[in-house]
Protein backbone atom coordinates (compact mmCIF):
# COMPACT_ATOMS: atom_id res chain seq x y z
CA UNK A 1 0.00 0.00 0.00
CA UNK A 2 1.33 3.43 -0.87
CA UNK A 3 1.57 6.12 1.73
CA UNK A 4 -1.15 8.79 1.46
CA UNK A 5 0.01 12.20 0.24
CA UNK A 6 0.92 14.75 2.86
CA UNK A 7 -1.51 17.49 3.70
CA UNK A 8 -2.03 19.81 0.77
CA UNK A 9 -4.46 22.73 0.92
CA UNK A 10 -5.51 22.36 -2.72
CA UNK A 11 -6.24 18.65 -2.36
CA UNK A 12 -8.09 19.20 0.92
CA UNK A 13 -10.13 22.01 -0.64
CA UNK A 14 -11.18 19.77 -3.54
CA UNK A 15 -12.01 16.87 -1.22
CA UNK A 16 -13.99 19.09 1.14
CA UNK A 17 -16.07 20.59 -1.66
CA UNK A 18 -16.70 17.16 -3.15
CA UNK A 19 -17.25 15.16 0.04
CA UNK A 20 -18.71 17.46 2.69
CA UNK A 21 -22.15 18.06 1.12
CA UNK A 22 -23.00 14.36 0.62
CA UNK A 23 -21.47 13.42 3.98
CA UNK A 24 -23.50 16.12 5.74
CA UNK A 25 -26.66 14.93 3.96
CA UNK A 26 -25.96 11.35 5.02
CA UNK A 27 -25.23 12.42 8.60
CA UNK A 28 -28.52 14.34 8.84
CA UNK A 29 -30.39 11.42 7.29
CA UNK A 30 -28.92 9.01 9.86
CA UNK A 31 -29.74 11.32 12.78
CA UNK A 32 -33.39 11.54 11.77
CA UNK A 33 -34.08 8.15 10.17
CA UNK A 34 -31.87 5.83 12.17
CA UNK A 35 -31.57 7.62 15.50
CA UNK A 36 -35.07 9.07 15.66
CA UNK A 37 -34.09 12.65 16.39
CA UNK A 38 -36.68 15.15 15.18
CA UNK A 39 -35.85 17.42 12.29
CA UNK A 40 -36.35 20.44 14.56
CA UNK A 41 -33.87 19.08 17.09
CA UNK A 42 -31.34 18.27 14.37
CA UNK A 43 -31.61 21.81 13.02
CA UNK A 44 -30.95 23.21 16.52
CA UNK A 45 -28.00 20.92 17.20
CA UNK A 46 -26.37 21.66 13.85
CA UNK A 47 -27.23 25.35 13.74
CA UNK A 48 -28.96 25.06 10.38
CA UNK A 49 -32.49 25.89 9.33
CA UNK A 50 -35.35 23.43 9.60
CA UNK A 51 -35.79 23.87 5.83
CA UNK A 52 -32.19 22.74 5.24
CA UNK A 53 -32.82 19.59 7.29
CA UNK A 54 -35.97 18.95 5.28
CA UNK A 55 -34.00 19.32 2.03
CA UNK A 56 -31.35 16.90 3.28
CA UNK A 57 -34.06 14.42 4.21
CA UNK A 58 -35.81 14.66 0.86
CA UNK A 59 -32.41 14.27 -0.83
CA UNK A 60 -32.73 17.65 -2.56
CA UNK A 61 -29.59 19.03 -0.88
CA UNK A 62 -26.17 17.42 -0.77
CA UNK A 63 -27.34 14.07 -2.10
CA UNK A 64 -25.21 12.22 -4.60
CA UNK A 65 -26.05 8.66 -5.44
CA UNK A 66 -22.89 7.20 -4.01
CA UNK A 67 -21.93 4.60 -1.52
CA UNK A 68 -19.35 5.82 0.91
CA UNK A 69 -16.20 3.75 1.34
CA UNK A 70 -15.81 2.06 4.72
CA UNK A 71 -13.40 4.72 6.03
CA UNK A 72 -15.76 7.60 5.22
CA UNK A 73 -18.72 5.69 6.68
CA UNK A 74 -16.79 5.48 9.93
CA UNK A 75 -16.19 9.23 9.90
CA UNK A 76 -19.90 9.87 9.25
CA UNK A 77 -20.81 7.57 12.13
CA UNK A 78 -18.37 9.41 14.44
CA UNK A 79 -20.00 12.67 13.33
CA UNK A 80 -23.47 11.30 14.14
CA UNK A 81 -22.25 10.20 17.59
CA UNK A 82 -20.66 13.60 18.24
CA UNK A 83 -23.90 15.40 17.38
CA UNK A 84 -25.95 13.08 19.59
CA UNK A 85 -23.63 13.22 22.58
CA UNK A 86 -22.45 16.80 22.18
CA UNK A 87 -18.91 15.51 22.69
CA UNK A 88 -16.11 14.89 20.25
CA UNK A 89 -15.80 16.15 16.73
CA UNK A 90 -14.43 15.41 13.31
CA UNK A 91 -12.17 17.62 11.25
CA UNK A 92 -11.50 18.25 7.60
CA UNK A 93 -8.22 16.38 8.17
CA UNK A 94 -10.20 13.32 9.33
CA UNK A 95 -12.16 13.42 6.09
CA UNK A 96 -9.06 13.91 3.92
CA UNK A 97 -7.17 11.09 5.64
CA UNK A 98 -10.14 8.74 5.29
CA UNK A 99 -10.62 9.70 1.63
CA UNK A 100 -6.91 9.12 0.97
CA UNK A 101 -7.08 5.69 2.62
CA UNK A 102 -10.10 4.80 0.49
CA UNK A 103 -8.38 5.87 -2.71
CA UNK A 104 -5.22 3.90 -1.91
CA UNK A 105 -6.98 0.58 -1.47
C-alpha atoms as a PDB file:
ATOM      1  CA  UNK A   1       0.000   0.000   0.000  1.00  0.00           C
ATOM      2  CA  UNK A   2       1.332   3.431  -0.873  1.00  0.00           C
ATOM      3  CA  UNK A   3       1.571   6.124   1.729  1.00  0.00           C
ATOM      4  CA  UNK A   4      -1.145   8.794   1.459  1.00  0.00           C
ATOM      5  CA  UNK A   5       0.012  12.198   0.235  1.00  0.00           C
ATOM      6  CA  UNK A   6       0.922  14.746   2.858  1.00  0.00           C
ATOM      7  CA  UNK A   7      -1.514  17.490   3.698  1.00  0.00           C
ATOM      8  CA  UNK A   8      -2.031  19.809   0.769  1.00  0.00           C
ATOM      9  CA  UNK A   9      -4.465  22.731   0.918  1.00  0.00           C
ATOM     10  CA  UNK A  10      -5.510  22.360  -2.723  1.00  0.00           C
ATOM     11  CA  UNK A  11      -6.245  18.649  -2.359  1.00  0.00           C
ATOM     12  CA  UNK A  12      -8.093  19.204   0.923  1.00  0.00           C
ATOM     13  CA  UNK A  13     -10.129  22.007  -0.641  1.00  0.00           C
ATOM     14  CA  UNK A  14     -11.181  19.768  -3.537  1.00  0.00           C
ATOM     15  CA  UNK A  15     -12.010  16.872  -1.216  1.00  0.00           C
ATOM     16  CA  UNK A  16     -13.987  19.094   1.140  1.00  0.00           C
ATOM     17  CA  UNK A  17     -16.073  20.592  -1.661  1.00  0.00           C
ATOM     18  CA  UNK A  18     -16.700  17.157  -3.154  1.00  0.00           C
ATOM     19  CA  UNK A  19     -17.245  15.161   0.040  1.00  0.00           C
ATOM     20  CA  UNK A  20     -18.708  17.457   2.689  1.00  0.00           C
ATOM     21  CA  UNK A  21     -22.151  18.061   1.120  1.00  0.00           C
ATOM     22  CA  UNK A  22     -22.999  14.362   0.623  1.00  0.00           C
ATOM     23  CA  UNK A  23     -21.467  13.424   3.980  1.00  0.00           C
ATOM     24  CA  UNK A  24     -23.504  16.124   5.736  1.00  0.00           C
ATOM     25  CA  UNK A  25     -26.656  14.934   3.957  1.00  0.00           C
ATOM     26  CA  UNK A  26     -25.958  11.355   5.023  1.00  0.00           C
ATOM     27  CA  UNK A  27     -25.228  12.421   8.603  1.00  0.00           C
ATOM     28  CA  UNK A  28     -28.522  14.337   8.836  1.00  0.00           C
ATOM     29  CA  UNK A  29     -30.391  11.417   7.291  1.00  0.00           C
ATOM     30  CA  UNK A  30     -28.917   9.011   9.864  1.00  0.00           C
ATOM     31  CA  UNK A  31     -29.737  11.316  12.778  1.00  0.00           C
ATOM     32  CA  UNK A  32     -33.394  11.538  11.768  1.00  0.00           C
ATOM     33  CA  UNK A  33     -34.084   8.153  10.166  1.00  0.00           C
ATOM     34  CA  UNK A  34     -31.870   5.830  12.166  1.00  0.00           C
ATOM     35  CA  UNK A  35     -31.567   7.618  15.500  1.00  0.00           C
ATOM     36  CA  UNK A  36     -35.072   9.071  15.657  1.00  0.00           C
ATOM     37  CA  UNK A  37     -34.088  12.653  16.395  1.00  0.00           C
ATOM     38  CA  UNK A  38     -36.683  15.151  15.185  1.00  0.00           C
ATOM     39  CA  UNK A  39     -35.852  17.415  12.287  1.00  0.00           C
ATOM     40  CA  UNK A  40     -36.350  20.438  14.559  1.00  0.00           C
ATOM     41  CA  UNK A  41     -33.874  19.078  17.091  1.00  0.00           C
ATOM     42  CA  UNK A  42     -31.337  18.267  14.374  1.00  0.00           C
ATOM     43  CA  UNK A  43     -31.615  21.812  13.024  1.00  0.00           C
ATOM     44  CA  UNK A  44     -30.955  23.205  16.525  1.00  0.00           C
ATOM     45  CA  UNK A  45     -28.003  20.922  17.202  1.00  0.00           C
ATOM     46  CA  UNK A  46     -26.371  21.663  13.846  1.00  0.00           C
ATOM     47  CA  UNK A  47     -27.232  25.354  13.743  1.00  0.00           C
ATOM     48  CA  UNK A  48     -28.960  25.058  10.384  1.00  0.00           C
ATOM     49  CA  UNK A  49     -32.486  25.886   9.326  1.00  0.00           C
ATOM     50  CA  UNK A  50     -35.346  23.430   9.602  1.00  0.00           C
ATOM     51  CA  UNK A  51     -35.795  23.870   5.829  1.00  0.00           C
ATOM     52  CA  UNK A  52     -32.194  22.741   5.237  1.00  0.00           C
ATOM     53  CA  UNK A  53     -32.819  19.591   7.292  1.00  0.00           C
ATOM     54  CA  UNK A  54     -35.970  18.949   5.277  1.00  0.00           C
ATOM     55  CA  UNK A  55     -34.001  19.319   2.033  1.00  0.00           C
ATOM     56  CA  UNK A  56     -31.349  16.896   3.280  1.00  0.00           C
ATOM     57  CA  UNK A  57     -34.064  14.417   4.212  1.00  0.00           C
ATOM     58  CA  UNK A  58     -35.810  14.659   0.862  1.00  0.00           C
ATOM     59  CA  UNK A  59     -32.412  14.265  -0.825  1.00  0.00           C
ATOM     60  CA  UNK A  60     -32.728  17.646  -2.555  1.00  0.00           C
ATOM     61  CA  UNK A  61     -29.592  19.026  -0.881  1.00  0.00           C
ATOM     62  CA  UNK A  62     -26.172  17.416  -0.774  1.00  0.00           C
ATOM     63  CA  UNK A  63     -27.338  14.067  -2.101  1.00  0.00           C
ATOM     64  CA  UNK A  64     -25.211  12.215  -4.604  1.00  0.00           C
ATOM     65  CA  UNK A  65     -26.047   8.662  -5.442  1.00  0.00           C
ATOM     66  CA  UNK A  66     -22.893   7.198  -4.013  1.00  0.00           C
ATOM     67  CA  UNK A  67     -21.934   4.595  -1.519  1.00  0.00           C
ATOM     68  CA  UNK A  68     -19.347   5.820   0.913  1.00  0.00           C
ATOM     69  CA  UNK A  69     -16.201   3.747   1.344  1.00  0.00           C
ATOM     70  CA  UNK A  70     -15.807   2.059   4.722  1.00  0.00           C
ATOM     71  CA  UNK A  71     -13.399   4.722   6.031  1.00  0.00           C
ATOM     72  CA  UNK A  72     -15.758   7.599   5.225  1.00  0.00           C
ATOM     73  CA  UNK A  73     -18.719   5.694   6.680  1.00  0.00           C
ATOM     74  CA  UNK A  74     -16.785   5.476   9.932  1.00  0.00           C
ATOM     75  CA  UNK A  75     -16.190   9.234   9.896  1.00  0.00           C
ATOM     76  CA  UNK A  76     -19.900   9.873   9.254  1.00  0.00           C
ATOM     77  CA  UNK A  77     -20.808   7.575  12.127  1.00  0.00           C
ATOM     78  CA  UNK A  78     -18.369   9.413  14.436  1.00  0.00           C
ATOM     79  CA  UNK A  79     -19.996  12.672  13.333  1.00  0.00           C
ATOM     80  CA  UNK A  80     -23.465  11.304  14.141  1.00  0.00           C
ATOM     81  CA  UNK A  81     -22.252  10.202  17.585  1.00  0.00           C
ATOM     82  CA  UNK A  82     -20.656  13.598  18.244  1.00  0.00           C
ATOM     83  CA  UNK A  83     -23.900  15.405  17.378  1.00  0.00           C
ATOM     84  CA  UNK A  84     -25.946  13.079  19.591  1.00  0.00           C
ATOM     85  CA  UNK A  85     -23.626  13.218  22.582  1.00  0.00           C
ATOM     86  CA  UNK A  86     -22.450  16.800  22.182  1.00  0.00           C
ATOM     87  CA  UNK A  87     -18.914  15.507  22.687  1.00  0.00           C
ATOM     88  CA  UNK A  88     -16.114  14.890  20.246  1.00  0.00           C
ATOM     89  CA  UNK A  89     -15.797  16.148  16.729  1.00  0.00           C
ATOM     90  CA  UNK A  90     -14.431  15.409  13.313  1.00  0.00           C
ATOM     91  CA  UNK A  91     -12.165  17.620  11.254  1.00  0.00           C
ATOM     92  CA  UNK A  92     -11.499  18.250   7.604  1.00  0.00           C
ATOM     93  CA  UNK A  93      -8.222  16.385   8.174  1.00  0.00           C
ATOM     94  CA  UNK A  94     -10.196  13.322   9.331  1.00  0.00           C
ATOM     95  CA  UNK A  95     -12.160  13.416   6.091  1.00  0.00           C
ATOM     96  CA  UNK A  96      -9.064  13.906   3.924  1.00  0.00           C
ATOM     97  CA  UNK A  97      -7.170  11.095   5.645  1.00  0.00           C
ATOM     98  CA  UNK A  98     -10.138   8.742   5.289  1.00  0.00           C
ATOM     99  CA  UNK A  99     -10.615   9.695   1.634  1.00  0.00           C
ATOM    100  CA  UNK A 100      -6.914   9.119   0.971  1.00  0.00           C
ATOM    101  CA  UNK A 101      -7.083   5.689   2.617  1.00  0.00           C
ATOM    102  CA  UNK A 102     -10.102   4.799   0.490  1.00  0.00           C
ATOM    103  CA  UNK A 103      -8.378   5.867  -2.713  1.00  0.00           C
ATOM    104  CA  UNK A 104      -5.219   3.903  -1.915  1.00  0.00           C
ATOM    105  CA  UNK A 105      -6.977   0.578  -1.468  1.00  0.00           C
END
